[in-house]
All heavy atoms as atom14 arrays in JSON, in Angstrom:
{
  "sequence": "RFALAVDILLAGGNVQELRPEGEVYERSVHGTGCTFSAAIA",
  "atom14_mask": [
    [1, 1, 1, 1, 1, 1, 1, 1, 1, 1, 1, 0, 0, 0],
    [1, 1, 1, 1, 1, 1, 1, 1, 1, 1, 1, 0, 0, 0],
    [1, 1, 1, 1, 1, 0, 0, 0, 0, 0, 0, 0, 0, 0],
    [1, 1, 1, 1, 1, 1, 1, 1, 0, 0, 0, 0, 0, 0],
    [1, 1, 1, 1, 1, 0, 0, 0, 0, 0, 0, 0, 0, 0],
    [1, 1, 1, 1, 1, 1, 1, 0, 0, 0, 0, 0, 0, 0],
    [1, 1, 1, 1, 1, 1, 1, 1, 0, 0, 0, 0, 0, 0],
    [1, 1, 1, 1, 1, 1, 1, 1, 0, 0, 0, 0, 0, 0],
    [1, 1, 1, 1, 1, 1, 1, 1, 0, 0, 0, 0, 0, 0],
    [1, 1, 1, 1, 1, 1, 1, 1, 0, 0, 0, 0, 0, 0],
    [1, 1, 1, 1, 1, 0, 0, 0, 0, 0, 0, 0, 0, 0],
    [1, 1, 1, 1, 0, 0, 0, 0, 0, 0, 0, 0, 0, 0],
    [1, 1, 1, 1, 0, 0, 0, 0, 0, 0, 0, 0, 0, 0],
    [1, 1, 1, 1, 1, 1, 1, 1, 0, 0, 0, 0, 0, 0],
    [1, 1, 1, 1, 1, 1, 1, 0, 0, 0, 0, 0, 0, 0],
    [1, 1, 1, 1, 1, 1, 1, 1, 1, 0, 0, 0, 0, 0],
    [1, 1, 1, 1, 1, 1, 1, 1, 1, 0, 0, 0, 0, 0],
    [1, 1, 1, 1, 1, 1, 1, 1, 0, 0, 0, 0, 0, 0],
    [1, 1, 1, 1, 1, 1, 1, 1, 1, 1, 1, 0, 0, 0],
    [1, 1, 1, 1, 1, 1, 1, 0, 0, 0, 0, 0, 0, 0],
    [1, 1, 1, 1, 1, 1, 1, 1, 1, 0, 0, 0, 0, 0],
    [1, 1, 1, 1, 0, 0, 0, 0, 0, 0, 0, 0, 0, 0],
    [1, 1, 1, 1, 1, 1, 1, 1, 1, 0, 0, 0, 0, 0],
    [1, 1, 1, 1, 1, 1, 1, 0, 0, 0, 0, 0, 0, 0],
    [1, 1, 1, 1, 1, 1, 1, 1, 1, 1, 1, 1, 0, 0],
    [1, 1, 1, 1, 1, 1, 1, 1, 1, 0, 0, 0, 0, 0],
    [1, 1, 1, 1, 1, 1, 1, 1, 1, 1, 1, 0, 0, 0],
    [1, 1, 1, 1, 1, 1, 0, 0, 0, 0, 0, 0, 0, 0],
    [1, 1, 1, 1, 1, 1, 1, 0, 0, 0, 0, 0, 0, 0],
    [1, 1, 1, 1, 1, 1, 1, 1, 1, 1, 0, 0, 0, 0],
    [1, 1, 1, 1, 0, 0, 0, 0, 0, 0, 0, 0, 0, 0],
    [1, 1, 1, 1, 1, 1, 1, 0, 0, 0, 0, 0, 0, 0],
    [1, 1, 1, 1, 0, 0, 0, 0, 0, 0, 0, 0, 0, 0],
    [1, 1, 1, 1, 1, 1, 0, 0, 0, 0, 0, 0, 0, 0],
    [1, 1, 1, 1, 1, 1, 1, 0, 0, 0, 0, 0, 0, 0],
    [1, 1, 1, 1, 1, 1, 1, 1, 1, 1, 1, 0, 0, 0],
    [1, 1, 1, 1, 1, 1, 0, 0, 0, 0, 0, 0, 0, 0],
    [1, 1, 1, 1, 1, 0, 0, 0, 0, 0, 0, 0, 0, 0],
    [1, 1, 1, 1, 1, 0, 0, 0, 0, 0, 0, 0, 0, 0],
    [1, 1, 1, 1, 1, 1, 1, 1, 0, 0, 0, 0, 0, 0],
    [1, 1, 1, 1, 1, 0, 0, 0, 0, 0, 0, 0, 0, 0]
  ],
  "atom14_positions": [
    [[-4.24, -10.13, 7.38], [-4.21, -10.05, 8.9], [-2.74, -9.79, 9.32], [-2.6, -9.18, 10.34], [-4.86, -11.2, 9.56], [-6.22, -11.61, 9.03], [-7.1, -10.57, 9.1], [-7.11, -9.76, 10.33], [-7.86, -8.65, 10.57], [-8.59, -8.11, 9.68], [-7.93, -8.01, 11.75], [0.0, 0.0, 0.0], [0.0, 0.0, 0.0], [0.0, 0.0, 0.0]],
    [[-1.85, -10.44, 8.61], [-0.41, -10.23, 9.15], [0.2, -8.84, 8.67], [1.3, -8.54, 9.02], [0.37, -11.46, 8.62], [0.61, -11.55, 7.11], [1.49, -10.78, 6.47], [-0.26, -12.39, 6.45], [1.62, -10.86, 5.0], [-0.17, -12.45, 5.08], [0.7, -11.68, 4.36], [0.0, 0.0, 0.0], [0.0, 0.0, 0.0], [0.0, 0.0, 0.0]],
    [[-0.44, -8.24, 7.61], [0.16, -6.99, 7.21], [-0.91, -5.99, 6.65], [-0.83, -5.56, 5.63], [1.05, -7.31, 6.05], [0.0, 0.0, 0.0], [0.0, 0.0, 0.0], [0.0, 0.0, 0.0], [0.0, 0.0, 0.0], [0.0, 0.0, 0.0], [0.0, 0.0, 0.0], [0.0, 0.0, 0.0], [0.0, 0.0, 0.0], [0.0, 0.0, 0.0]],
    [[-1.92, -5.72, 7.59], [-2.98, -4.87, 7.2], [-2.45, -3.49, 6.55], [-1.95, -2.73, 7.34], [-3.92, -4.65, 8.3], [-5.16, -3.98, 8.17], [-6.02, -4.52, 7.07], [-6.02, -3.58, 9.36], [0.0, 0.0, 0.0], [0.0, 0.0, 0.0], [0.0, 0.0, 0.0], [0.0, 0.0, 0.0], [0.0, 0.0, 0.0], [0.0, 0.0, 0.0]],
    [[-2.73, -3.42, 5.36], [-2.44, -2.16, 4.59], [-0.98, -1.78, 4.65], [-0.49, -0.62, 4.43], [-3.21, -0.91, 5.23], [0.0, 0.0, 0.0], [0.0, 0.0, 0.0], [0.0, 0.0, 0.0], [0.0, 0.0, 0.0], [0.0, 0.0, 0.0], [0.0, 0.0, 0.0], [0.0, 0.0, 0.0], [0.0, 0.0, 0.0], [0.0, 0.0, 0.0]],
    [[-0.08, -2.85, 4.87], [1.42, -2.62, 4.73], [1.93, -3.18, 3.5], [1.54, -4.18, 3.06], [2.15, -3.35, 5.91], [3.61, -3.32, 5.75], [1.82, -2.82, 7.24], [0.0, 0.0, 0.0], [0.0, 0.0, 0.0], [0.0, 0.0, 0.0], [0.0, 0.0, 0.0], [0.0, 0.0, 0.0], [0.0, 0.0, 0.0], [0.0, 0.0, 0.0]],
    [[2.64, -2.27, 2.77], [3.2, -2.8, 1.44], [4.65, -2.96, 1.59], [5.36, -2.37, 2.35], [2.83, -1.68, 0.38], [1.35, -1.39, 0.28], [0.58, -2.28, 0.52], [1.07, -0.24, -0.04], [0.0, 0.0, 0.0], [0.0, 0.0, 0.0], [0.0, 0.0, 0.0], [0.0, 0.0, 0.0], [0.0, 0.0, 0.0], [0.0, 0.0, 0.0]],
    [[5.21, -3.73, 0.74], [6.67, -3.93, 0.58], [7.14, -3.29, -0.74], [6.6, -3.66, -1.8], [7.0, -5.51, 0.57], [6.54, -6.17, 1.87], [8.45, -5.61, 0.33], [7.27, -5.39, 3.2], [0.0, 0.0, 0.0], [0.0, 0.0, 0.0], [0.0, 0.0, 0.0], [0.0, 0.0, 0.0], [0.0, 0.0, 0.0], [0.0, 0.0, 0.0]],
    [[8.08, -2.43, -0.75], [8.75, -1.76, -1.86], [10.12, -2.35, -1.9], [10.9, -2.14, -1.14], [8.7, -0.32, -1.66], [9.53, 0.49, -2.73], [8.95, 0.3, -4.11], [9.56, 2.01, -2.27], [0.0, 0.0, 0.0], [0.0, 0.0, 0.0], [0.0, 0.0, 0.0], [0.0, 0.0, 0.0], [0.0, 0.0, 0.0], [0.0, 0.0, 0.0]],
    [[10.45, -2.86, -3.11], [11.74, -3.28, -3.42], [12.2, -2.25, -4.66], [11.61, -2.42, -5.69], [11.83, -4.7, -3.94], [13.16, -5.17, -4.49], [14.32, -5.04, -3.52], [13.1, -6.63, -4.89], [0.0, 0.0, 0.0], [0.0, 0.0, 0.0], [0.0, 0.0, 0.0], [0.0, 0.0, 0.0], [0.0, 0.0, 0.0], [0.0, 0.0, 0.0]],
    [[13.15, -1.43, -4.34], [13.65, -0.48, -5.41], [15.12, -0.11, -5.25], [15.53, 0.05, -4.06], [12.8, 0.75, -5.44], [0.0, 0.0, 0.0], [0.0, 0.0, 0.0], [0.0, 0.0, 0.0], [0.0, 0.0, 0.0], [0.0, 0.0, 0.0], [0.0, 0.0, 0.0], [0.0, 0.0, 0.0], [0.0, 0.0, 0.0], [0.0, 0.0, 0.0]],
    [[15.83, -0.17, -6.26], [17.29, 0.1, -6.09], [18.02, -0.89, -5.23], [18.88, -0.49, -4.52], [0.0, 0.0, 0.0], [0.0, 0.0, 0.0], [0.0, 0.0, 0.0], [0.0, 0.0, 0.0], [0.0, 0.0, 0.0], [0.0, 0.0, 0.0], [0.0, 0.0, 0.0], [0.0, 0.0, 0.0], [0.0, 0.0, 0.0], [0.0, 0.0, 0.0]],
    [[17.55, -2.15, -5.11], [18.15, -3.16, -4.31], [17.76, -3.07, -2.82], [18.14, -3.95, -2.09], [0.0, 0.0, 0.0], [0.0, 0.0, 0.0], [0.0, 0.0, 0.0], [0.0, 0.0, 0.0], [0.0, 0.0, 0.0], [0.0, 0.0, 0.0], [0.0, 0.0, 0.0], [0.0, 0.0, 0.0], [0.0, 0.0, 0.0], [0.0, 0.0, 0.0]],
    [[16.96, -2.07, -2.55], [16.6, -1.88, -1.03], [15.16, -2.34, -0.83], [14.27, -1.94, -1.75], [16.75, -0.38, -0.67], [18.1, 0.01, -0.65], [19.07, -0.71, -0.29], [18.38, 1.32, -1.31], [0.0, 0.0, 0.0], [0.0, 0.0, 0.0], [0.0, 0.0, 0.0], [0.0, 0.0, 0.0], [0.0, 0.0, 0.0], [0.0, 0.0, 0.0]],
    [[14.92, -2.96, 0.34], [13.58, -3.5, 0.64], [13.02, -2.45, 1.8], [13.7, -2.37, 2.71], [13.47, -4.89, 0.96], [12.06, -5.35, 1.56], [13.95, -5.83, -0.14], [0.0, 0.0, 0.0], [0.0, 0.0, 0.0], [0.0, 0.0, 0.0], [0.0, 0.0, 0.0], [0.0, 0.0, 0.0], [0.0, 0.0, 0.0], [0.0, 0.0, 0.0]],
    [[11.85, -1.98, 1.48], [11.26, -1.21, 2.61], [9.77, -1.67, 2.84], [9.05, -2.03, 2.11], [11.11, 0.31, 2.17], [12.42, 1.0, 1.63], [12.27, 2.34, 0.93], [11.69, 3.14, 1.62], [12.76, 2.44, -0.21], [0.0, 0.0, 0.0], [0.0, 0.0, 0.0], [0.0, 0.0, 0.0], [0.0, 0.0, 0.0], [0.0, 0.0, 0.0]],
    [[9.39, -1.39, 4.27], [8.03, -1.63, 4.56], [7.35, -0.28, 4.63], [7.74, 0.66, 5.23], [7.95, -2.21, 5.95], [8.49, -3.66, 6.07], [8.22, -4.24, 7.6], [7.61, -3.51, 8.35], [8.96, -5.37, 7.8], [0.0, 0.0, 0.0], [0.0, 0.0, 0.0], [0.0, 0.0, 0.0], [0.0, 0.0, 0.0], [0.0, 0.0, 0.0]],
    [[6.22, -0.17, 3.7], [5.53, 1.09, 3.68], [4.09, 0.97, 4.5], [3.37, 0.12, 4.19], [5.24, 1.4, 2.26], [6.42, 1.61, 1.3], [5.86, 1.93, -0.1], [7.39, 2.51, 1.85], [0.0, 0.0, 0.0], [0.0, 0.0, 0.0], [0.0, 0.0, 0.0], [0.0, 0.0, 0.0], [0.0, 0.0, 0.0], [0.0, 0.0, 0.0]],
    [[4.19, 1.68, 5.55], [2.92, 1.67, 6.46], [2.0, 2.84, 6.31], [2.53, 3.99, 5.97], [3.25, 1.54, 7.92], [4.18, 0.17, 8.21], [4.61, 0.04, 9.62], [5.22, -1.28, 9.66], [4.6, -2.46, 10.04], [3.26, -2.34, 10.19], [5.29, -3.56, 10.09], [0.0, 0.0, 0.0], [0.0, 0.0, 0.0], [0.0, 0.0, 0.0]],
    [[0.78, 2.69, 6.37], [-0.18, 3.79, 6.09], [-0.09, 4.83, 7.14], [0.23, 4.54, 8.33], [-1.47, 3.13, 6.0], [-1.45, 1.92, 6.86], [-0.02, 1.53, 6.62], [0.0, 0.0, 0.0], [0.0, 0.0, 0.0], [0.0, 0.0, 0.0], [0.0, 0.0, 0.0], [0.0, 0.0, 0.0], [0.0, 0.0, 0.0], [0.0, 0.0, 0.0]],
    [[-0.39, 6.19, 6.79], [-0.43, 7.2, 7.78], [-1.75, 7.14, 8.43], [-2.92, 6.81, 7.87], [-0.23, 8.54, 7.04], [-1.28, 8.72, 6.07], [-1.34, 10.17, 5.45], [-0.31, 10.91, 5.48], [-2.38, 10.64, 4.98], [0.0, 0.0, 0.0], [0.0, 0.0, 0.0], [0.0, 0.0, 0.0], [0.0, 0.0, 0.0], [0.0, 0.0, 0.0]],
    [[-1.66, 7.45, 9.79], [-2.91, 7.56, 10.54], [-3.65, 6.26, 10.73], [-3.0, 5.12, 10.61], [0.0, 0.0, 0.0], [0.0, 0.0, 0.0], [0.0, 0.0, 0.0], [0.0, 0.0, 0.0], [0.0, 0.0, 0.0], [0.0, 0.0, 0.0], [0.0, 0.0, 0.0], [0.0, 0.0, 0.0], [0.0, 0.0, 0.0], [0.0, 0.0, 0.0]],
    [[-4.88, 6.21, 11.13], [-5.76, 5.18, 11.41], [-5.95, 4.47, 10.12], [-6.32, 5.03, 9.12], [-7.1, 5.58, 12.01], [-7.92, 4.36, 12.44], [-9.24, 4.95, 13.19], [-9.27, 6.12, 13.38], [-10.02, 4.01, 13.45], [0.0, 0.0, 0.0], [0.0, 0.0, 0.0], [0.0, 0.0, 0.0], [0.0, 0.0, 0.0], [0.0, 0.0, 0.0]],
    [[-6.02, 3.01, 10.15], [-6.34, 2.21, 9.12], [-7.87, 1.93, 9.04], [-8.27, 1.44, 10.04], [-5.51, 0.92, 9.03], [-5.95, 0.01, 7.84], [-4.08, 1.2, 8.94], [0.0, 0.0, 0.0], [0.0, 0.0, 0.0], [0.0, 0.0, 0.0], [0.0, 0.0, 0.0], [0.0, 0.0, 0.0], [0.0, 0.0, 0.0], [0.0, 0.0, 0.0]],
    [[-8.53, 2.13, 7.97], [-9.99, 1.87, 7.82], [-10.03, 0.41, 7.1], [-9.73, 0.32, 6.03], [-10.74, 2.85, 7.06], [-10.9, 4.27, 7.8], [-9.8, 5.01, 8.12], [-12.12, 4.57, 8.37], [-9.83, 6.09, 8.9], [-12.2, 5.76, 9.04], [-11.17, 6.44, 9.37], [-11.32, 7.73, 10.05], [0.0, 0.0, 0.0], [0.0, 0.0, 0.0]],
    [[-10.61, -0.52, 7.84], [-10.85, -1.84, 7.25], [-12.13, -1.72, 6.52], [-13.25, -2.13, 6.99], [-11.04, -2.93, 8.3], [-9.53, -3.26, 8.92], [-9.58, -4.54, 9.71], [-9.85, -5.57, 8.96], [-9.44, -4.66, 10.8], [0.0, 0.0, 0.0], [0.0, 0.0, 0.0], [0.0, 0.0, 0.0], [0.0, 0.0, 0.0], [0.0, 0.0, 0.0]],
    [[-12.05, -1.27, 5.3], [-13.17, -1.19, 4.38], [-12.88, -1.67, 3.02], [-11.7, -1.55, 2.52], [-13.72, 0.08, 4.26], [-12.79, 1.19, 3.84], [-13.18, 2.61, 4.11], [-14.69, 2.88, 3.88], [-15.25, 4.01, 4.03], [-14.55, 5.05, 4.44], [-16.53, 4.33, 3.79], [0.0, 0.0, 0.0], [0.0, 0.0, 0.0], [0.0, 0.0, 0.0]],
    [[-13.82, -2.42, 2.3], [-13.46, -2.93, 1.08], [-13.9, -1.9, 0.05], [-15.1, -1.56, -0.19], [-14.2, -4.22, 0.74], [-13.83, -4.91, -0.36], [0.0, 0.0, 0.0], [0.0, 0.0, 0.0], [0.0, 0.0, 0.0], [0.0, 0.0, 0.0], [0.0, 0.0, 0.0], [0.0, 0.0, 0.0], [0.0, 0.0, 0.0], [0.0, 0.0, 0.0]],
    [[-13.02, -1.32, -0.7], [-13.21, -0.16, -1.73], [-12.93, -0.6, -3.07], [-11.82, -1.28, -3.35], [-12.55, 1.16, -1.27], [-12.65, 2.13, -2.35], [-13.0, 1.61, 0.09], [0.0, 0.0, 0.0], [0.0, 0.0, 0.0], [0.0, 0.0, 0.0], [0.0, 0.0, 0.0], [0.0, 0.0, 0.0], [0.0, 0.0, 0.0], [0.0, 0.0, 0.0]],
    [[-13.72, -0.32, -4.07], [-13.54, -0.73, -5.5], [-12.6, 0.12, -6.13], [-12.59, 1.3, -6.06], [-14.94, -0.51, -6.02], [-15.07, -0.94, -7.54], [-14.63, -2.15, -7.9], [-15.53, -0.3, -8.57], [-14.88, -2.33, -9.21], [-15.4, -1.1, -9.65], [0.0, 0.0, 0.0], [0.0, 0.0, 0.0], [0.0, 0.0, 0.0], [0.0, 0.0, 0.0]],
    [[-11.65, -0.48, -6.88], [-10.87, 0.32, -7.79], [-9.45, 0.78, -7.13], [-8.84, 1.59, -7.7], [0.0, 0.0, 0.0], [0.0, 0.0, 0.0], [0.0, 0.0, 0.0], [0.0, 0.0, 0.0], [0.0, 0.0, 0.0], [0.0, 0.0, 0.0], [0.0, 0.0, 0.0], [0.0, 0.0, 0.0], [0.0, 0.0, 0.0], [0.0, 0.0, 0.0]],
    [[-9.19, 0.19, -5.93], [-8.04, 0.77, -5.22], [-6.75, 0.39, -5.97], [-5.7, 1.21, -5.96], [-7.98, 0.25, -3.8], [-8.08, -1.22, -3.83], [-9.04, 0.78, -2.97], [0.0, 0.0, 0.0], [0.0, 0.0, 0.0], [0.0, 0.0, 0.0], [0.0, 0.0, 0.0], [0.0, 0.0, 0.0], [0.0, 0.0, 0.0], [0.0, 0.0, 0.0]],
    [[-6.66, -0.83, -6.45], [-5.3, -1.19, -7.19], [-5.15, -0.2, -8.38], [-4.06, 0.2, -8.77], [0.0, 0.0, 0.0], [0.0, 0.0, 0.0], [0.0, 0.0, 0.0], [0.0, 0.0, 0.0], [0.0, 0.0, 0.0], [0.0, 0.0, 0.0], [0.0, 0.0, 0.0], [0.0, 0.0, 0.0], [0.0, 0.0, 0.0], [0.0, 0.0, 0.0]],
    [[-6.16, 0.07, -9.19], [-6.18, 0.82, -10.35], [-5.78, 2.19, -9.88], [-4.77, 2.93, -10.54], [-7.56, 1.01, -10.99], [-8.27, -0.64, -11.56], [0.0, 0.0, 0.0], [0.0, 0.0, 0.0], [0.0, 0.0, 0.0], [0.0, 0.0, 0.0], [0.0, 0.0, 0.0], [0.0, 0.0, 0.0], [0.0, 0.0, 0.0], [0.0, 0.0, 0.0]],
    [[-6.34, 2.72, -8.87], [-6.05, 4.16, -8.42], [-4.64, 4.32, -7.85], [-3.94, 5.25, -8.25], [-7.02, 4.51, -7.35], [-8.37, 4.54, -7.82], [-6.78, 5.87, -6.81], [0.0, 0.0, 0.0], [0.0, 0.0, 0.0], [0.0, 0.0, 0.0], [0.0, 0.0, 0.0], [0.0, 0.0, 0.0], [0.0, 0.0, 0.0], [0.0, 0.0, 0.0]],
    [[-4.2, 3.38, -7.16], [-2.84, 3.27, -6.63], [-1.76, 3.35, -7.69], [-0.83, 4.2, -7.78], [-2.65, 2.22, -5.65], [-1.26, 1.99, -5.08], [-0.68, 3.02, -4.34], [-0.39, 0.8, -5.36], [0.58, 2.91, -3.73], [0.85, 0.77, -4.84], [1.31, 1.79, -4.05], [0.0, 0.0, 0.0], [0.0, 0.0, 0.0], [0.0, 0.0, 0.0]],
    [[-1.95, 2.46, -8.68], [-0.87, 2.43, -9.86], [-1.07, 3.61, -10.68], [-0.02, 4.09, -11.18], [-1.11, 1.04, -10.67], [-2.39, 1.05, -11.08], [0.0, 0.0, 0.0], [0.0, 0.0, 0.0], [0.0, 0.0, 0.0], [0.0, 0.0, 0.0], [0.0, 0.0, 0.0], [0.0, 0.0, 0.0], [0.0, 0.0, 0.0], [0.0, 0.0, 0.0]],
    [[-2.24, 4.2, -10.84], [-2.37, 5.44, -11.65], [-1.68, 6.51, -10.94], [-1.07, 7.44, -11.53], [-3.85, 5.74, -11.83], [0.0, 0.0, 0.0], [0.0, 0.0, 0.0], [0.0, 0.0, 0.0], [0.0, 0.0, 0.0], [0.0, 0.0, 0.0], [0.0, 0.0, 0.0], [0.0, 0.0, 0.0], [0.0, 0.0, 0.0], [0.0, 0.0, 0.0]],
    [[-1.8, 6.54, -9.57], [-1.21, 7.69, -8.85], [0.36, 7.6, -8.96], [1.01, 8.6, -9.04], [-1.65, 7.56, -7.37], [0.0, 0.0, 0.0], [0.0, 0.0, 0.0], [0.0, 0.0, 0.0], [0.0, 0.0, 0.0], [0.0, 0.0, 0.0], [0.0, 0.0, 0.0], [0.0, 0.0, 0.0], [0.0, 0.0, 0.0], [0.0, 0.0, 0.0]],
    [[0.89, 6.25, -8.91], [2.32, 6.14, -9.08], [2.65, 6.73, -10.44], [3.74, 7.48, -10.66], [2.86, 4.75, -8.84], [2.61, 4.23, -7.53], [4.2, 4.41, -9.31], [2.79, 2.71, -7.42], [0.0, 0.0, 0.0], [0.0, 0.0, 0.0], [0.0, 0.0, 0.0], [0.0, 0.0, 0.0], [0.0, 0.0, 0.0], [0.0, 0.0, 0.0]],
    [[1.84, 6.32, -11.43], [2.35, 6.89, -12.83], [2.19, 8.37, -13.01], [3.04, 9.0, -13.54], [1.34, 6.29, -13.89], [0.0, 0.0, 0.0], [0.0, 0.0, 0.0], [0.0, 0.0, 0.0], [0.0, 0.0, 0.0], [0.0, 0.0, 0.0], [0.0, 0.0, 0.0], [0.0, 0.0, 0.0], [0.0, 0.0, 0.0], [0.0, 0.0, 0.0]]
  ]
}
C-alpha cells in the first residue's frame, strides 16, 4: 500500500525509485517475478 508497483533500484552506488508508466492495475497476476527477472536477463 505504501509503494504500489514502485520498485527500488540500487546500482552503481545510486538508489532510484522506479515508478510504473501509466495507470496501475491492481490485479494479481501469476509469474510476474519470473517474467520480470527474465526480461532483465
